[in-house]
Amino acid sequence: MSLILVIEDEHQILLNLQEILELGDFFVITAANGTTGLELAKTQNPDLIICDIMMPGLNGYEVLQELQGEPKFAHIPLIFLTAKAECSDWSQSIALGADYYITKPFEPIEILEAVKACLEKN
């Protein structure tokens, strides 16, 4: 089973994502902020990361840039999950190297399809 790291500062959304992914037969580790998420990414080497963009402290863009800057972690696919629905936000995310961009609110099937597509592509 694949290991997925979820980085999300909204506790209920974090729990919902964990439940969706575990029901989809994935191992899940979670972080409530970007700093902890980055540490977990570097120590646990997940197969995929789902990350909120707007978080206090280290935001999702910064997490992605840190990972992209290290060859050992640059290969990890990343899905941004965010309330930001502007076209410019989507464009910036893809330009930085994100594999998918999902806006909140989301349907469980959206998450599972994006995760499966990223894992198959990688």
C-alpha atoms as a PDB file:
ATOM      1  CA  MET A   1       0.000   0.000   0.000  1.00  0.00           C
ATOM      2  CA  SER A   2       1.123   3.524  -0.762  1.00  0.00           C
ATOM      3  CA  LEU A   3       2.012   6.005   1.976  1.00  0.00           C
ATOM      4  CA  ILE A   4       0.323   9.393   1.666  1.00  0.00           C
ATOM      5  CA  LEU A   5       1.230  12.480   3.679  1.00  0.00           C
ATOM      6  CA  VAL A   6      -1.612  14.963   4.223  1.00  0.00           C
ATOM      7  CA  ILE A   7      -0.642  18.493   5.288  1.00  0.00           C
ATOM      8  CA  GLU A   8      -3.720  20.504   6.303  1.00  0.00           C
ATOM      9  CA  ASP A   9      -4.215  23.066   9.079  1.00  0.00           C
ATOM     10  CA  GLU A  10      -8.013  22.687   9.303  1.00  0.00           C
ATOM     11  CA  HIS A  11      -8.491  19.769  11.681  1.00  0.00           C
ATOM     12  CA  GLN A  12     -11.845  18.528  10.351  1.00  0.00           C
ATOM     13  CA  ILE A  13     -10.642  18.546   6.753  1.00  0.00           C
ATOM     14  CA  LEU A  14      -7.499  16.700   7.841  1.00  0.00           C
ATOM     15  CA  LEU A  15      -9.618  14.011   9.514  1.00  0.00           C
ATOM     16  CA  ASN A  16     -11.932  13.764   6.490  1.00  0.00           C
ATOM     17  CA  LEU A  17      -9.003  13.315   4.122  1.00  0.00           C
ATOM     18  CA  GLN A  18      -7.456  10.700   6.369  1.00  0.00           C
ATOM     19  CA  GLU A  19     -10.717   8.740   6.445  1.00  0.00           C
ATOM     20  CA  ILE A  20     -11.244   8.977   2.670  1.00  0.00           C
ATOM     21  CA  LEU A  21      -7.718   7.787   1.953  1.00  0.00           C
ATOM     22  CA  GLU A  22      -7.750   4.977   4.508  1.00  0.00           C
ATOM     23  CA  LEU A  23     -11.047   3.720   3.064  1.00  0.00           C
ATOM     24  CA  GLY A  24      -9.303   3.851  -0.325  1.00  0.00           C
ATOM     25  CA  ASP A  25      -6.712   1.434   1.064  1.00  0.00           C
ATOM     26  CA  PHE A  26      -3.832   3.865   1.599  1.00  0.00           C
ATOM     27  CA  PHE A  27      -1.548   4.319   4.593  1.00  0.00           C
ATOM     28  CA  VAL A  28      -1.863   7.914   5.815  1.00  0.00           C
ATOM     29  CA  ILE A  29       0.316  10.169   7.944  1.00  0.00           C
ATOM     30  CA  THR A  30      -0.786  13.698   8.784  1.00  0.00           C
ATOM     31  CA  ALA A  31       0.631  17.083   9.680  1.00  0.00           C
ATOM     32  CA  ALA A  32      -1.283  20.130  10.892  1.00  0.00           C
ATOM     33  CA  ASN A  33       1.200  22.643   9.434  1.00  0.00           C
ATOM     34  CA  GLY A  34       3.792  23.051   6.713  1.00  0.00           C
ATOM     35  CA  THR A  35       6.822  22.819   8.978  1.00  0.00           C
ATOM     36  CA  THR A  36       5.793  19.471  10.455  1.00  0.00           C
ATOM     37  CA  GLY A  37       4.698  18.290   7.022  1.00  0.00           C
ATOM     38  CA  LEU A  38       8.090  19.081   5.519  1.00  0.00           C
ATOM     39  CA  GLU A  39       9.840  17.222   8.345  1.00  0.00           C
ATOM     40  CA  LEU A  40       7.593  14.182   7.818  1.00  0.00           C
ATOM     41  CA  ALA A  41       8.153  14.291   4.062  1.00  0.00           C
ATOM     42  CA  LYS A  42      11.903  14.159   4.617  1.00  0.00           C
ATOM     43  CA  THR A  43      11.850  11.430   7.265  1.00  0.00           C
ATOM     44  CA  GLN A  44       9.012   9.205   6.013  1.00  0.00           C
ATOM     45  CA  ASN A  45       9.534   9.584   2.239  1.00  0.00           C
ATOM     46  CA  PRO A  46       5.829   9.285   1.291  1.00  0.00           C
ATOM     47  CA  ASP A  47       4.676   8.107  -2.118  1.00  0.00           C
ATOM     48  CA  LEU A  48       2.476  11.199  -2.467  1.00  0.00           C
ATOM     49  CA  ILE A  49       1.693  14.430  -0.607  1.00  0.00           C
ATOM     50  CA  ILE A  50      -1.642  16.242  -0.377  1.00  0.00           C
ATOM     51  CA  CYS A  51      -1.032  19.772   0.870  1.00  0.00           C
ATOM     52  CA  ASP A  52      -3.148  22.811   1.659  1.00  0.00           C
ATOM     53  CA  ILE A  53      -1.762  26.056   0.225  1.00  0.00           C
ATOM     54  CA  MET A  54      -2.881  28.653   2.753  1.00  0.00           C
ATOM     55  CA  MET A  55      -1.429  27.724   6.136  1.00  0.00           C
ATOM     56  CA  PRO A  56       0.193  29.812   8.845  1.00  0.00           C
ATOM     57  CA  GLY A  57       3.973  29.658   8.936  1.00  0.00           C
ATOM     58  CA  LEU A  58       5.266  27.569   6.045  1.00  0.00           C
ATOM     59  CA  ASN A  59       2.595  27.616   3.319  1.00  0.00           C
ATOM     60  CA  GLY A  60       2.009  24.984   0.658  1.00  0.00           C
ATOM     61  CA  TYR A  61       4.015  26.797  -2.008  1.00  0.00           C
ATOM     62  CA  GLU A  62       7.002  26.950   0.341  1.00  0.00           C
ATOM     63  CA  VAL A  63       6.670  23.251   1.195  1.00  0.00           C
ATOM     64  CA  LEU A  64       6.686  22.405  -2.519  1.00  0.00           C
ATOM     65  CA  GLN A  65       9.674  24.669  -3.224  1.00  0.00           C
ATOM     66  CA  GLU A  66      11.668  23.101  -0.375  1.00  0.00           C
ATOM     67  CA  LEU A  67      10.954  19.604  -1.685  1.00  0.00           C
ATOM     68  CA  GLN A  68      11.678  20.552  -5.299  1.00  0.00           C
ATOM     69  CA  GLY A  69      15.028  21.952  -4.175  1.00  0.00           C
ATOM     70  CA  GLU A  70      16.237  18.573  -2.925  1.00  0.00           C
ATOM     71  CA  PRO A  71      16.729  15.849  -5.564  1.00  0.00           C
ATOM     72  CA  LYS A  72      15.959  13.111  -3.026  1.00  0.00           C
ATOM     73  CA  PHE A  73      12.418  14.480  -2.572  1.00  0.00           C
ATOM     74  CA  ALA A  74      11.701  16.317  -5.840  1.00  0.00           C
ATOM     75  CA  HIS A  75      10.132  13.173  -7.361  1.00  0.00           C
ATOM     76  CA  ILE A  76       7.327  12.967  -4.768  1.00  0.00           C
ATOM     77  CA  PRO A  77       4.025  13.888  -6.459  1.00  0.00           C
ATOM     78  CA  LEU A  78       2.113  16.693  -4.750  1.00  0.00           C
ATOM     79  CA  ILE A  79      -1.577  17.538  -4.904  1.00  0.00           C
ATOM     80  CA  PHE A  80      -2.580  21.001  -3.747  1.00  0.00           C
ATOM     81  CA  LEU A  81      -5.898  21.196  -1.923  1.00  0.00           C
ATOM     82  CA  THR A  82      -7.133  24.734  -1.418  1.00  0.00           C
ATOM     83  CA  ALA A  83     -10.013  27.173  -1.176  1.00  0.00           C
ATOM     84  CA  LYS A  84      -8.184  29.404  -3.689  1.00  0.00           C
ATOM     85  CA  ALA A  85     -10.055  28.954  -6.971  1.00  0.00           C
ATOM     86  CA  GLU A  86      -8.451  31.696  -9.071  1.00  0.00           C
ATOM     87  CA  CYS A  87      -6.916  30.688 -12.400  1.00  0.00           C
ATOM     88  CA  SER A  88      -3.673  32.448 -11.419  1.00  0.00           C
ATOM     89  CA  ASP A  89      -3.394  30.268  -8.292  1.00  0.00           C
ATOM     90  CA  TRP A  90      -3.830  27.126 -10.372  1.00  0.00           C
ATOM     91  CA  SER A  91      -1.245  28.346 -12.896  1.00  0.00           C
ATOM     92  CA  GLN A  92       1.259  29.195 -10.161  1.00  0.00           C
ATOM     93  CA  SER A  93       0.783  25.783  -8.552  1.00  0.00           C
ATOM     94  CA  ILE A  94       1.399  23.884 -11.771  1.00  0.00           C
ATOM     95  CA  ALA A  95       4.361  26.128 -12.667  1.00  0.00           C
ATOM     96  CA  LEU A  96       5.963  25.330  -9.300  1.00  0.00           C
ATOM     97  CA  GLY A  97       5.641  21.610  -9.963  1.00  0.00           C
ATOM     98  CA  ALA A  98       2.373  20.521  -8.352  1.00  0.00           C
ATOM     99  CA  ASP A  99       0.800  17.503 -10.040  1.00  0.00           C
ATOM    100  CA  TYR A 100      -2.849  18.300  -9.256  1.00  0.00           C
ATOM    101  CA  TYR A 101      -4.890  21.208  -7.903  1.00  0.00           C
ATOM    102  CA  ILE A 102      -8.172  20.472  -6.126  1.00  0.00           C
ATOM    103  CA  THR A 103     -10.426  23.199  -4.758  1.00  0.00           C
ATOM    104  CA  LYS A 104     -12.410  22.998  -1.532  1.00  0.00           C
ATOM    105  CA  PRO A 105     -15.070  21.869  -1.057  1.00  0.00           C
ATOM    106  CA  PHE A 106     -14.227  18.584  -2.721  1.00  0.00           C
ATOM    107  CA  GLU A 107     -15.874  15.224  -3.263  1.00  0.00           C
ATOM    108  CA  PRO A 108     -14.152  12.078  -1.952  1.00  0.00           C
ATOM    109  CA  ILE A 109     -14.021  10.638  -5.473  1.00  0.00           C
ATOM    110  CA  GLU A 110     -12.029  13.690  -6.659  1.00  0.00           C
ATOM    111  CA  ILE A 111      -9.382  12.986  -4.052  1.00  0.00           C
ATOM    112  CA  LEU A 112      -9.182   9.272  -4.789  1.00  0.00           C
ATOM    113  CA  GLU A 113      -9.040   9.762  -8.567  1.00  0.00           C
ATOM    114  CA  ALA A 114      -6.288  12.388  -8.283  1.00  0.00           C
ATOM    115  CA  VAL A 115      -4.277  10.209  -5.899  1.00  0.00           C
ATOM    116  CA  LYS A 116      -4.563   7.151  -8.133  1.00  0.00           C
ATOM    117  CA  ALA A 117      -3.643   9.152 -11.249  1.00  0.00           C
ATOM    118  CA  CYS A 118      -0.566  10.643  -9.566  1.00  0.00           C
ATOM    119  CA  LEU A 119       0.604   7.298  -8.241  1.00  0.00           C
ATOM    120  CA  GLU A 120       0.124   5.606 -11.621  1.00  0.00           C
ATOM    121  CA  LYS A 121       1.980   8.425 -13.386  1.00  0.00           C
ATOM    122  CA  ASN A 122       4.869   8.210 -10.962  1.00  0.00           C
END
